[in-house]
N, C-alpha and C. Protein backbone atom coordinates (compact mmCIF):
# COMPACT_ATOMS: atom_id res chain seq x y z
N MET A 1 105.39 113.90 96.65
CA MET A 1 104.76 114.42 97.85
C MET A 1 104.97 113.50 99.03
N PHE A 2 104.97 112.17 98.75
CA PHE A 2 105.16 111.21 99.83
C PHE A 2 106.34 110.32 99.51
N ARG A 3 107.00 109.83 100.54
CA ARG A 3 108.08 108.86 100.35
C ARG A 3 107.45 107.48 100.30
N THR A 4 106.79 107.21 99.20
CA THR A 4 106.06 105.94 99.10
C THR A 4 106.98 104.83 98.64
N THR A 5 106.70 103.65 99.12
CA THR A 5 107.36 102.43 98.64
C THR A 5 106.26 101.41 98.41
N PRO A 6 106.41 100.53 97.42
CA PRO A 6 105.35 99.57 97.10
C PRO A 6 104.97 98.72 98.31
N LEU A 7 103.67 98.66 98.55
CA LEU A 7 103.09 97.79 99.59
C LEU A 7 103.57 98.12 100.99
N ILE A 8 104.02 99.35 101.21
CA ILE A 8 104.55 99.69 102.53
C ILE A 8 103.48 99.52 103.62
N ALA A 9 102.27 100.02 103.34
CA ALA A 9 101.23 99.92 104.36
C ALA A 9 100.82 98.49 104.60
N ALA A 10 100.75 97.71 103.53
CA ALA A 10 100.38 96.30 103.70
C ALA A 10 101.40 95.59 104.57
N ALA A 11 102.67 95.89 104.34
CA ALA A 11 103.73 95.25 105.13
C ALA A 11 103.63 95.66 106.59
N ILE A 12 103.38 96.95 106.82
CA ILE A 12 103.28 97.43 108.20
C ILE A 12 102.04 96.87 108.87
N LEU A 13 100.95 96.76 108.10
CA LEU A 13 99.73 96.21 108.66
C LEU A 13 99.94 94.77 109.09
N MET A 14 100.64 93.98 108.28
CA MET A 14 100.93 92.60 108.64
C MET A 14 101.82 92.56 109.87
N ALA A 15 102.79 93.47 109.90
CA ALA A 15 103.69 93.51 111.05
C ALA A 15 102.93 93.92 112.30
N GLY A 16 101.97 94.82 112.11
CA GLY A 16 101.18 95.27 113.26
C GLY A 16 100.40 94.15 113.89
N CYS A 17 99.93 93.23 113.05
CA CYS A 17 99.18 92.10 113.59
C CYS A 17 100.09 91.18 114.38
N ALA A 18 101.35 91.08 113.97
CA ALA A 18 102.28 90.18 114.62
C ALA A 18 103.13 90.89 115.67
N GLY A 19 103.11 92.25 115.64
CA GLY A 19 103.94 93.02 116.56
C GLY A 19 105.04 93.75 115.82
N MET A 20 105.06 95.09 115.88
CA MET A 20 106.07 95.89 115.21
C MET A 20 107.25 96.11 116.15
N SER A 21 108.42 96.25 115.57
CA SER A 21 109.60 96.54 116.38
C SER A 21 109.58 98.00 116.80
N GLU A 22 110.34 98.31 117.84
CA GLU A 22 110.41 99.70 118.28
C GLU A 22 111.00 100.58 117.19
N GLU A 23 112.00 100.06 116.49
CA GLU A 23 112.62 100.81 115.41
C GLU A 23 111.61 101.15 114.32
N ALA A 24 110.79 100.16 113.97
CA ALA A 24 109.78 100.39 112.93
C ALA A 24 108.77 101.43 113.38
N CYS A 25 108.38 101.36 114.64
CA CYS A 25 107.40 102.33 115.15
C CYS A 25 107.96 103.75 115.14
N LEU A 26 109.26 103.87 115.43
CA LEU A 26 109.88 105.20 115.47
C LEU A 26 110.21 105.73 114.08
N ALA A 27 110.57 104.84 113.15
CA ALA A 27 111.04 105.27 111.84
C ALA A 27 109.95 105.39 110.79
N THR A 28 108.79 104.84 111.07
CA THR A 28 107.72 104.82 110.06
C THR A 28 107.25 106.22 109.70
N ASP A 29 107.09 106.44 108.40
CA ASP A 29 106.52 107.68 107.88
C ASP A 29 104.99 107.50 107.92
N TRP A 30 104.36 107.98 108.97
CA TRP A 30 102.94 107.72 109.17
C TRP A 30 102.06 108.41 108.14
N ARG A 31 102.53 109.49 107.56
CA ARG A 31 101.77 110.13 106.48
C ARG A 31 101.70 109.20 105.26
N THR A 32 102.82 108.58 104.97
CA THR A 32 102.86 107.64 103.85
C THR A 32 101.97 106.43 104.12
N VAL A 33 102.04 105.92 105.35
CA VAL A 33 101.20 104.78 105.71
C VAL A 33 99.72 105.15 105.58
N GLY A 34 99.36 106.33 106.05
CA GLY A 34 97.98 106.78 105.93
C GLY A 34 97.56 106.89 104.48
N PHE A 35 98.47 107.42 103.65
CA PHE A 35 98.17 107.54 102.22
C PHE A 35 97.93 106.17 101.60
N GLU A 36 98.80 105.23 101.89
CA GLU A 36 98.66 103.89 101.32
C GLU A 36 97.37 103.21 101.80
N ASP A 37 97.04 103.39 103.06
CA ASP A 37 95.79 102.81 103.57
C ASP A 37 94.58 103.43 102.88
N GLY A 38 94.60 104.76 102.77
CA GLY A 38 93.49 105.44 102.11
C GLY A 38 93.35 105.05 100.66
N ALA A 39 94.48 104.96 99.96
CA ALA A 39 94.46 104.60 98.54
C ALA A 39 94.01 103.16 98.32
N ALA A 40 94.14 102.33 99.37
CA ALA A 40 93.70 100.94 99.28
C ALA A 40 92.26 100.76 99.78
N GLY A 41 91.63 101.86 100.22
CA GLY A 41 90.25 101.77 100.69
C GLY A 41 90.10 101.29 102.11
N ARG A 42 91.21 101.28 102.86
CA ARG A 42 91.11 100.88 104.27
C ARG A 42 90.64 102.07 105.10
N PRO A 43 89.80 101.84 106.09
CA PRO A 43 89.31 102.96 106.91
C PRO A 43 90.41 103.57 107.76
N ALA A 44 90.20 104.82 108.14
CA ALA A 44 91.20 105.52 108.95
C ALA A 44 91.40 104.82 110.29
N GLY A 45 90.40 104.08 110.75
CA GLY A 45 90.52 103.36 112.00
C GLY A 45 91.57 102.27 111.98
N THR A 46 92.12 101.99 110.79
CA THR A 46 93.17 100.98 110.69
C THR A 46 94.37 101.35 111.54
N ILE A 47 94.55 102.64 111.79
CA ILE A 47 95.71 103.05 112.60
C ILE A 47 95.63 102.45 114.00
N GLY A 48 94.46 102.05 114.43
CA GLY A 48 94.33 101.44 115.75
C GLY A 48 95.19 100.20 115.89
N ARG A 49 95.36 99.46 114.78
CA ARG A 49 96.20 98.27 114.82
C ARG A 49 97.67 98.65 115.03
N TYR A 50 98.08 99.70 114.33
CA TYR A 50 99.46 100.15 114.50
C TYR A 50 99.69 100.69 115.91
N ARG A 51 98.69 101.42 116.39
CA ARG A 51 98.81 102.01 117.73
C ARG A 51 98.95 100.91 118.79
N GLN A 52 98.17 99.85 118.62
CA GLN A 52 98.24 98.75 119.58
C GLN A 52 99.60 98.06 119.52
N ALA A 53 100.12 97.88 118.29
CA ALA A 53 101.41 97.21 118.14
C ALA A 53 102.55 98.04 118.72
N CYS A 54 102.48 99.36 118.52
CA CYS A 54 103.57 100.24 118.99
C CYS A 54 103.46 100.57 120.47
N ALA A 55 102.29 100.34 121.04
CA ALA A 55 102.12 100.65 122.46
C ALA A 55 103.05 99.82 123.32
N ASP A 56 103.41 98.63 122.85
CA ASP A 56 104.31 97.77 123.61
C ASP A 56 105.68 98.41 123.77
N HIS A 57 106.00 99.37 122.89
CA HIS A 57 107.31 100.03 122.96
C HIS A 57 107.18 101.46 123.48
N GLY A 58 105.99 101.81 123.95
CA GLY A 58 105.78 103.16 124.46
C GLY A 58 105.81 104.21 123.38
N VAL A 59 105.47 103.81 122.15
CA VAL A 59 105.49 104.72 121.01
C VAL A 59 104.08 104.87 120.48
N SER A 60 103.71 106.10 120.16
CA SER A 60 102.40 106.36 119.58
C SER A 60 102.56 106.83 118.14
N PRO A 61 101.82 106.26 117.20
CA PRO A 61 101.88 106.73 115.81
C PRO A 61 101.47 108.19 115.73
N ASP A 62 101.98 108.89 114.72
CA ASP A 62 101.63 110.29 114.50
C ASP A 62 100.25 110.33 113.86
N LEU A 63 99.23 110.47 114.67
CA LEU A 63 97.85 110.40 114.20
C LEU A 63 97.52 111.51 113.21
N GLU A 64 98.02 112.70 113.46
CA GLU A 64 97.72 113.83 112.57
C GLU A 64 98.30 113.59 111.18
N SER A 65 99.55 113.11 111.15
CA SER A 65 100.18 112.83 109.85
C SER A 65 99.47 111.69 109.14
N TYR A 66 99.11 110.67 109.91
CA TYR A 66 98.41 109.52 109.32
C TYR A 66 97.10 109.97 108.70
N ARG A 67 96.33 110.77 109.42
CA ARG A 67 95.02 111.20 108.91
C ARG A 67 95.17 112.09 107.68
N ALA A 68 96.19 112.93 107.68
CA ALA A 68 96.42 113.78 106.51
C ALA A 68 96.75 112.93 105.29
N GLY A 69 97.62 111.94 105.48
CA GLY A 69 97.96 111.05 104.38
C GLY A 69 96.77 110.22 103.95
N HIS A 70 95.99 109.77 104.92
CA HIS A 70 94.82 108.95 104.61
C HIS A 70 93.82 109.75 103.76
N ALA A 71 93.60 111.00 104.11
CA ALA A 71 92.66 111.84 103.36
C ALA A 71 93.11 111.99 101.91
N ASP A 72 94.42 112.15 101.70
CA ASP A 72 94.93 112.25 100.33
C ASP A 72 94.81 110.92 99.59
N GLY A 73 95.07 109.82 100.31
CA GLY A 73 94.94 108.51 99.68
C GLY A 73 93.52 108.20 99.28
N VAL A 74 92.58 108.61 100.11
CA VAL A 74 91.16 108.40 99.82
C VAL A 74 90.75 109.13 98.54
N GLU A 75 91.34 110.28 98.30
CA GLU A 75 91.04 111.02 97.07
C GLU A 75 91.40 110.18 95.84
N ILE A 76 92.45 109.41 95.95
CA ILE A 76 92.86 108.53 94.85
C ILE A 76 91.90 107.34 94.74
N TYR A 77 91.56 106.78 95.88
CA TYR A 77 90.71 105.58 95.91
C TYR A 77 89.30 105.87 95.43
N CYS A 78 88.76 107.02 95.80
CA CYS A 78 87.33 107.28 95.61
C CYS A 78 86.97 107.81 94.23
N ARG A 79 87.72 107.39 93.23
CA ARG A 79 87.36 107.70 91.86
C ARG A 79 86.36 106.66 91.36
N PRO A 80 85.41 107.06 90.51
CA PRO A 80 84.44 106.09 90.00
C PRO A 80 85.08 104.88 89.34
N SER A 81 86.15 105.10 88.59
CA SER A 81 86.80 103.97 87.91
C SER A 81 87.32 102.96 88.92
N ARG A 82 87.83 103.45 90.05
CA ARG A 82 88.31 102.56 91.10
C ARG A 82 87.13 101.85 91.77
N GLY A 83 86.03 102.58 91.95
CA GLY A 83 84.84 101.97 92.53
C GLY A 83 84.36 100.79 91.70
N PHE A 84 84.38 100.98 90.39
CA PHE A 84 83.96 99.90 89.50
C PHE A 84 84.88 98.70 89.65
N GLU A 85 86.19 98.94 89.71
CA GLU A 85 87.17 97.86 89.85
C GLU A 85 86.96 97.11 91.17
N VAL A 86 86.73 97.86 92.24
CA VAL A 86 86.54 97.24 93.55
C VAL A 86 85.29 96.35 93.53
N GLY A 87 84.21 96.87 92.96
CA GLY A 87 82.98 96.09 92.89
C GLY A 87 83.13 94.86 92.02
N ARG A 88 83.75 95.02 90.86
CA ARG A 88 83.90 93.88 89.95
C ARG A 88 84.81 92.82 90.54
N GLY A 89 85.75 93.25 91.38
CA GLY A 89 86.64 92.28 92.02
C GLY A 89 85.99 91.54 93.18
N GLY A 90 84.77 91.92 93.53
CA GLY A 90 84.07 91.25 94.62
C GLY A 90 84.47 91.73 96.00
N SER A 91 85.25 92.82 96.06
CA SER A 91 85.68 93.35 97.36
C SER A 91 84.58 94.21 97.97
N LEU A 92 84.66 94.41 99.27
CA LEU A 92 83.67 95.22 99.97
C LEU A 92 84.13 96.66 100.07
N TYR A 93 83.20 97.56 99.94
CA TYR A 93 83.47 98.99 100.15
C TYR A 93 83.29 99.28 101.63
N GLN A 94 84.29 99.90 102.24
CA GLN A 94 84.28 100.09 103.69
C GLN A 94 83.88 101.51 104.11
N GLY A 95 83.19 102.21 103.21
CA GLY A 95 82.63 103.51 103.57
C GLY A 95 83.64 104.60 103.84
N VAL A 96 84.76 104.60 103.10
CA VAL A 96 85.82 105.56 103.39
C VAL A 96 85.69 106.86 102.61
N CYS A 97 84.84 106.91 101.60
CA CYS A 97 84.80 108.08 100.73
C CYS A 97 84.07 109.25 101.39
N PRO A 98 84.58 110.48 101.20
CA PRO A 98 83.89 111.66 101.73
C PRO A 98 82.57 111.89 101.00
N ALA A 99 81.72 112.70 101.60
CA ALA A 99 80.36 112.89 101.08
C ALA A 99 80.33 113.40 99.64
N ASP A 100 81.30 114.22 99.27
CA ASP A 100 81.27 114.79 97.92
C ASP A 100 81.71 113.79 96.85
N LEU A 101 82.42 112.74 97.25
CA LEU A 101 82.90 111.76 96.28
C LEU A 101 82.12 110.45 96.33
N GLU A 102 81.43 110.22 97.44
CA GLU A 102 80.82 108.91 97.64
C GLU A 102 79.71 108.56 96.64
N PRO A 103 78.80 109.47 96.28
CA PRO A 103 77.71 109.07 95.37
C PRO A 103 78.21 108.48 94.05
N ASP A 104 79.14 109.14 93.39
CA ASP A 104 79.65 108.64 92.11
C ASP A 104 80.44 107.35 92.31
N PHE A 105 81.21 107.29 93.40
CA PHE A 105 81.99 106.08 93.68
C PHE A 105 81.06 104.90 93.91
N VAL A 106 80.04 105.09 94.74
CA VAL A 106 79.13 104.00 95.09
C VAL A 106 78.34 103.54 93.87
N ALA A 107 77.92 104.48 93.03
CA ALA A 107 77.19 104.11 91.82
C ALA A 107 78.05 103.21 90.93
N ALA A 108 79.32 103.60 90.77
CA ALA A 108 80.22 102.79 89.95
C ALA A 108 80.53 101.46 90.63
N TYR A 109 80.69 101.50 91.96
CA TYR A 109 80.94 100.27 92.72
C TYR A 109 79.79 99.28 92.55
N GLN A 110 78.57 99.78 92.67
CA GLN A 110 77.41 98.90 92.54
C GLN A 110 77.30 98.32 91.14
N SER A 111 77.67 99.12 90.15
CA SER A 111 77.68 98.63 88.77
C SER A 111 78.68 97.50 88.62
N GLY A 112 79.89 97.71 89.15
CA GLY A 112 80.92 96.67 89.09
C GLY A 112 80.53 95.45 89.91
N ARG A 113 79.90 95.68 91.04
CA ARG A 113 79.49 94.57 91.90
C ARG A 113 78.43 93.71 91.21
N HIS A 114 77.50 94.36 90.51
CA HIS A 114 76.47 93.60 89.80
C HIS A 114 77.11 92.77 88.69
N LEU A 115 78.09 93.35 88.01
CA LEU A 115 78.79 92.60 86.97
C LEU A 115 79.50 91.40 87.59
N TYR A 116 80.12 91.60 88.73
CA TYR A 116 80.79 90.51 89.44
C TYR A 116 79.79 89.39 89.78
N GLU A 117 78.62 89.77 90.25
CA GLU A 117 77.61 88.76 90.63
C GLU A 117 77.11 88.00 89.42
N LEU A 118 76.93 88.69 88.28
CA LEU A 118 76.49 88.01 87.07
C LEU A 118 77.56 87.05 86.57
N GLU A 119 78.81 87.48 86.62
CA GLU A 119 79.90 86.60 86.19
C GLU A 119 80.03 85.41 87.13
N ALA A 120 79.86 85.67 88.43
CA ALA A 120 79.95 84.59 89.42
C ALA A 120 78.82 83.58 89.21
N SER A 121 77.65 84.07 88.80
CA SER A 121 76.52 83.18 88.55
C SER A 121 76.83 82.21 87.41
N VAL A 122 77.41 82.74 86.33
CA VAL A 122 77.77 81.89 85.19
C VAL A 122 78.84 80.88 85.60
N ARG A 123 79.84 81.36 86.35
CA ARG A 123 80.88 80.45 86.81
C ARG A 123 80.32 79.36 87.71
N GLY A 124 79.38 79.73 88.56
CA GLY A 124 78.78 78.76 89.46
C GLY A 124 78.03 77.67 88.70
N ILE A 125 77.31 78.07 87.66
CA ILE A 125 76.59 77.08 86.85
C ILE A 125 77.58 76.17 86.14
N ASP A 126 78.65 76.76 85.61
CA ASP A 126 79.67 75.95 84.94
C ASP A 126 80.26 74.92 85.90
N ASN A 127 80.51 75.34 87.13
CA ASN A 127 81.08 74.43 88.12
C ASN A 127 80.12 73.29 88.45
N ARG A 128 78.83 73.61 88.53
CA ARG A 128 77.84 72.56 88.82
C ARG A 128 77.75 71.57 87.68
N ILE A 129 77.79 72.07 86.45
CA ILE A 129 77.75 71.18 85.29
C ILE A 129 78.98 70.27 85.28
N ALA A 130 80.14 70.86 85.51
CA ALA A 130 81.38 70.08 85.52
C ALA A 130 81.35 69.02 86.62
N SER A 131 80.81 69.39 87.78
CA SER A 131 80.72 68.44 88.89
C SER A 131 79.81 67.27 88.53
N ASN A 132 78.70 67.56 87.88
CA ASN A 132 77.78 66.50 87.47
C ASN A 132 78.40 65.59 86.42
N VAL A 133 79.13 66.19 85.49
CA VAL A 133 79.79 65.39 84.45
C VAL A 133 80.82 64.45 85.09
N LYS A 134 81.55 64.97 86.07
CA LYS A 134 82.53 64.14 86.78
C LYS A 134 81.83 63.00 87.51
N ALA A 135 80.68 63.30 88.13
CA ALA A 135 79.93 62.27 88.83
C ALA A 135 79.44 61.20 87.85
N GLN A 136 79.03 61.62 86.66
CA GLN A 136 78.59 60.65 85.66
C GLN A 136 79.74 59.76 85.19
N GLU A 137 80.92 60.34 85.09
CA GLU A 137 82.08 59.54 84.70
C GLU A 137 82.39 58.48 85.76
N ASN A 138 82.25 58.87 87.02
CA ASN A 138 82.46 57.91 88.10
C ASN A 138 81.42 56.80 88.05
N ILE A 139 80.19 57.17 87.74
CA ILE A 139 79.12 56.17 87.63
C ILE A 139 79.43 55.19 86.51
N LYS A 140 79.91 55.70 85.40
CA LYS A 140 80.24 54.81 84.27
C LYS A 140 81.32 53.81 84.66
N ARG A 141 82.29 54.28 85.43
CA ARG A 141 83.35 53.36 85.88
C ARG A 141 82.78 52.31 86.82
N GLU A 142 81.89 52.73 87.71
CA GLU A 142 81.27 51.77 88.63
C GLU A 142 80.42 50.76 87.87
N LEU A 143 79.70 51.21 86.87
CA LEU A 143 78.88 50.30 86.08
C LEU A 143 79.73 49.30 85.31
N ALA A 144 80.87 49.80 84.80
CA ALA A 144 81.79 48.90 84.09
C ALA A 144 82.33 47.83 85.03
N ALA A 145 82.63 48.21 86.27
CA ALA A 145 83.15 47.26 87.24
C ALA A 145 82.07 46.24 87.61
N ILE A 146 80.83 46.70 87.74
CA ILE A 146 79.73 45.79 88.06
C ILE A 146 79.52 44.80 86.91
N THR A 147 79.54 45.29 85.70
CA THR A 147 79.37 44.43 84.53
C THR A 147 80.45 43.36 84.49
N ALA A 148 81.69 43.77 84.78
CA ALA A 148 82.81 42.83 84.78
C ALA A 148 82.62 41.77 85.86
N SER A 149 82.13 42.19 87.01
CA SER A 149 81.93 41.25 88.11
C SER A 149 80.86 40.21 87.75
N ILE A 150 79.77 40.69 87.17
CA ILE A 150 78.68 39.77 86.79
C ILE A 150 79.15 38.80 85.71
N ALA A 151 79.90 39.33 84.74
CA ALA A 151 80.35 38.49 83.62
C ALA A 151 81.46 37.53 84.03
N GLY A 152 82.12 37.81 85.14
CA GLY A 152 83.25 36.99 85.56
C GLY A 152 82.86 35.59 85.99
N GLY A 153 81.63 35.40 86.34
CA GLY A 153 81.17 34.07 86.72
C GLY A 153 81.57 33.64 88.11
N GLU A 154 82.19 34.52 88.88
CA GLU A 154 82.62 34.16 90.22
C GLU A 154 81.64 34.64 91.29
N THR A 155 80.58 35.29 90.86
CA THR A 155 79.59 35.79 91.82
C THR A 155 78.47 34.79 91.99
N THR A 156 77.92 34.81 93.17
CA THR A 156 76.77 33.94 93.44
C THR A 156 75.50 34.57 92.88
N THR A 157 74.45 33.80 92.86
CA THR A 157 73.17 34.32 92.37
C THR A 157 72.71 35.50 93.21
N GLU A 158 72.86 35.36 94.51
CA GLU A 158 72.46 36.45 95.40
C GLU A 158 73.28 37.71 95.14
N GLN A 159 74.59 37.54 94.92
CA GLN A 159 75.45 38.68 94.64
C GLN A 159 75.07 39.34 93.33
N ARG A 160 74.73 38.54 92.32
CA ARG A 160 74.36 39.10 91.03
C ARG A 160 73.07 39.91 91.14
N VAL A 161 72.15 39.43 91.94
CA VAL A 161 70.91 40.17 92.16
C VAL A 161 71.20 41.54 92.77
N LEU A 162 72.07 41.54 93.75
CA LEU A 162 72.44 42.80 94.39
C LEU A 162 73.17 43.74 93.43
N LEU A 163 74.05 43.16 92.61
CA LEU A 163 74.80 43.98 91.65
C LEU A 163 73.88 44.58 90.59
N VAL A 164 72.93 43.79 90.15
CA VAL A 164 71.96 44.29 89.16
C VAL A 164 71.15 45.44 89.75
N ALA A 165 70.74 45.28 91.00
CA ALA A 165 69.98 46.34 91.66
C ALA A 165 70.83 47.60 91.81
N GLU A 166 72.11 47.41 92.15
CA GLU A 166 73.03 48.56 92.30
C GLU A 166 73.22 49.24 90.96
N ALA A 167 73.36 48.44 89.89
CA ALA A 167 73.54 49.01 88.55
C ALA A 167 72.31 49.81 88.14
N ALA A 168 71.14 49.31 88.50
CA ALA A 168 69.91 50.02 88.16
C ALA A 168 69.85 51.37 88.88
N GLU A 169 70.25 51.37 90.15
CA GLU A 169 70.26 52.62 90.91
C GLU A 169 71.27 53.60 90.33
N LEU A 170 72.43 53.10 89.95
CA LEU A 170 73.45 53.96 89.34
C LEU A 170 72.95 54.53 88.01
N GLY A 171 72.27 53.69 87.24
CA GLY A 171 71.73 54.16 85.97
C GLY A 171 70.69 55.24 86.17
N ARG A 172 69.86 55.06 87.22
CA ARG A 172 68.87 56.08 87.54
C ARG A 172 69.53 57.40 87.90
N ARG A 173 70.57 57.31 88.72
CA ARG A 173 71.28 58.53 89.13
C ARG A 173 71.96 59.19 87.94
N HIS A 174 72.50 58.41 87.04
CA HIS A 174 73.12 58.96 85.84
C HIS A 174 72.09 59.74 85.03
N GLY A 175 70.90 59.19 84.93
CA GLY A 175 69.84 59.88 84.20
C GLY A 175 69.42 61.17 84.88
N GLU A 176 69.37 61.16 86.21
CA GLU A 176 69.03 62.38 86.95
C GLU A 176 70.05 63.47 86.68
N LEU A 177 71.31 63.10 86.67
CA LEU A 177 72.37 64.07 86.43
C LEU A 177 72.28 64.64 85.02
N SER A 178 71.93 63.78 84.06
CA SER A 178 71.76 64.25 82.69
C SER A 178 70.63 65.27 82.60
N ASN A 179 69.52 64.98 83.25
CA ASN A 179 68.39 65.91 83.26
C ASN A 179 68.76 67.22 83.95
N GLU A 180 69.49 67.09 85.07
CA GLU A 180 69.92 68.29 85.80
C GLU A 180 70.83 69.15 84.94
N ASN A 181 71.75 68.52 84.22
CA ASN A 181 72.66 69.29 83.37
C ASN A 181 71.93 69.93 82.20
N ASP A 182 70.91 69.26 81.67
CA ASP A 182 70.11 69.89 80.60
C ASP A 182 69.47 71.17 81.11
N ALA A 183 68.93 71.11 82.33
CA ALA A 183 68.30 72.30 82.93
C ALA A 183 69.35 73.37 83.22
N LEU A 184 70.51 72.94 83.69
CA LEU A 184 71.58 73.89 84.00
C LEU A 184 72.09 74.58 82.74
N ARG A 185 72.16 73.86 81.64
CA ARG A 185 72.63 74.47 80.39
C ARG A 185 71.63 75.52 79.90
N GLU A 186 70.36 75.25 80.11
CA GLU A 186 69.36 76.26 79.77
C GLU A 186 69.49 77.48 80.68
N GLU A 187 69.71 77.21 81.96
CA GLU A 187 69.89 78.29 82.93
C GLU A 187 71.13 79.11 82.59
N ARG A 188 72.20 78.42 82.18
CA ARG A 188 73.44 79.11 81.83
C ARG A 188 73.25 80.00 80.60
N ALA A 189 72.50 79.49 79.62
CA ALA A 189 72.28 80.27 78.40
C ALA A 189 71.58 81.59 78.75
N LEU A 190 70.60 81.54 79.63
CA LEU A 190 69.90 82.75 80.05
C LEU A 190 70.83 83.67 80.84
N ALA A 191 71.62 83.08 81.73
CA ALA A 191 72.55 83.87 82.55
C ALA A 191 73.61 84.53 81.68
N ALA A 192 74.06 83.82 80.64
CA ALA A 192 75.08 84.37 79.75
C ALA A 192 74.53 85.54 78.95
N VAL A 193 73.28 85.44 78.53
CA VAL A 193 72.65 86.54 77.81
C VAL A 193 72.51 87.76 78.73
N GLU A 194 72.06 87.52 79.96
CA GLU A 194 71.93 88.62 80.92
C GLU A 194 73.28 89.27 81.19
N LEU A 195 74.31 88.45 81.31
CA LEU A 195 75.66 88.97 81.55
C LEU A 195 76.13 89.81 80.37
N GLU A 196 75.96 89.31 79.17
CA GLU A 196 76.43 90.04 77.99
C GLU A 196 75.65 91.34 77.81
N ASP A 197 74.35 91.29 78.06
CA ASP A 197 73.55 92.51 77.96
C ASP A 197 74.03 93.55 78.96
N TYR A 198 74.34 93.11 80.17
CA TYR A 198 74.79 94.06 81.18
C TYR A 198 76.17 94.60 80.85
N ARG A 199 77.03 93.75 80.33
CA ARG A 199 78.36 94.21 79.93
C ARG A 199 78.28 95.36 78.94
N GLN A 200 77.30 95.30 78.06
CA GLN A 200 77.14 96.37 77.08
C GLN A 200 76.78 97.69 77.75
N THR A 201 76.07 97.62 78.86
CA THR A 201 75.64 98.84 79.52
C THR A 201 76.75 99.49 80.34
N VAL A 202 77.79 98.73 80.69
CA VAL A 202 78.85 99.30 81.52
C VAL A 202 80.11 99.60 80.73
N ALA A 203 80.04 99.45 79.44
CA ALA A 203 81.21 99.71 78.59
C ALA A 203 81.28 101.22 78.30
N PHE A 204 81.52 102.00 79.38
CA PHE A 204 81.53 103.44 79.18
C PHE A 204 82.80 104.09 79.75
N GLY A 205 83.90 103.40 79.58
CA GLY A 205 85.17 104.02 79.95
C GLY A 205 85.85 103.49 81.17
N PHE A 206 85.22 102.56 81.89
CA PHE A 206 85.89 102.00 83.06
C PHE A 206 86.91 100.98 82.63
């Protein structure tokens, strides 16, 4: 039905931001571009970027063809399975679906979006734990260096006092990080259970 080529609309959209050539403006199959934009969930107003880019050459995109292609592309995009994928990928829905398709699409999108948020929560906790572990490793290296300095016999009494105080502070911080990670591991266990429970509820064909 359309002379589609992979990523044609994305390429034209990028070109539109930087300026399209007159040849591109004249040769573009605007129905295909509209279809690709619609199938990607981009709003019909995206043609405004192309119009602005082509205006420099005195060329106007075929708005009727673009809108017809966009409407067909939206039919592909606004399937519930696609809504779930968009939500789970963390992308935003830009309100392109027609009234008859939007309720099912949005319901699936919200389901996927919630799954994305639960997965992101677990990942965030994992990142915080890893960051704390790395900080503890750095503290251990600093403590080893302080111990070596004190044992080296080249420090003054005043310096040793300061080093001991620094070591005590580092030890306190190491303990704080351990306590924080204990709490985070408990938080992660709960988040993982919530995630797994929710995964079971969305395993219905998407």
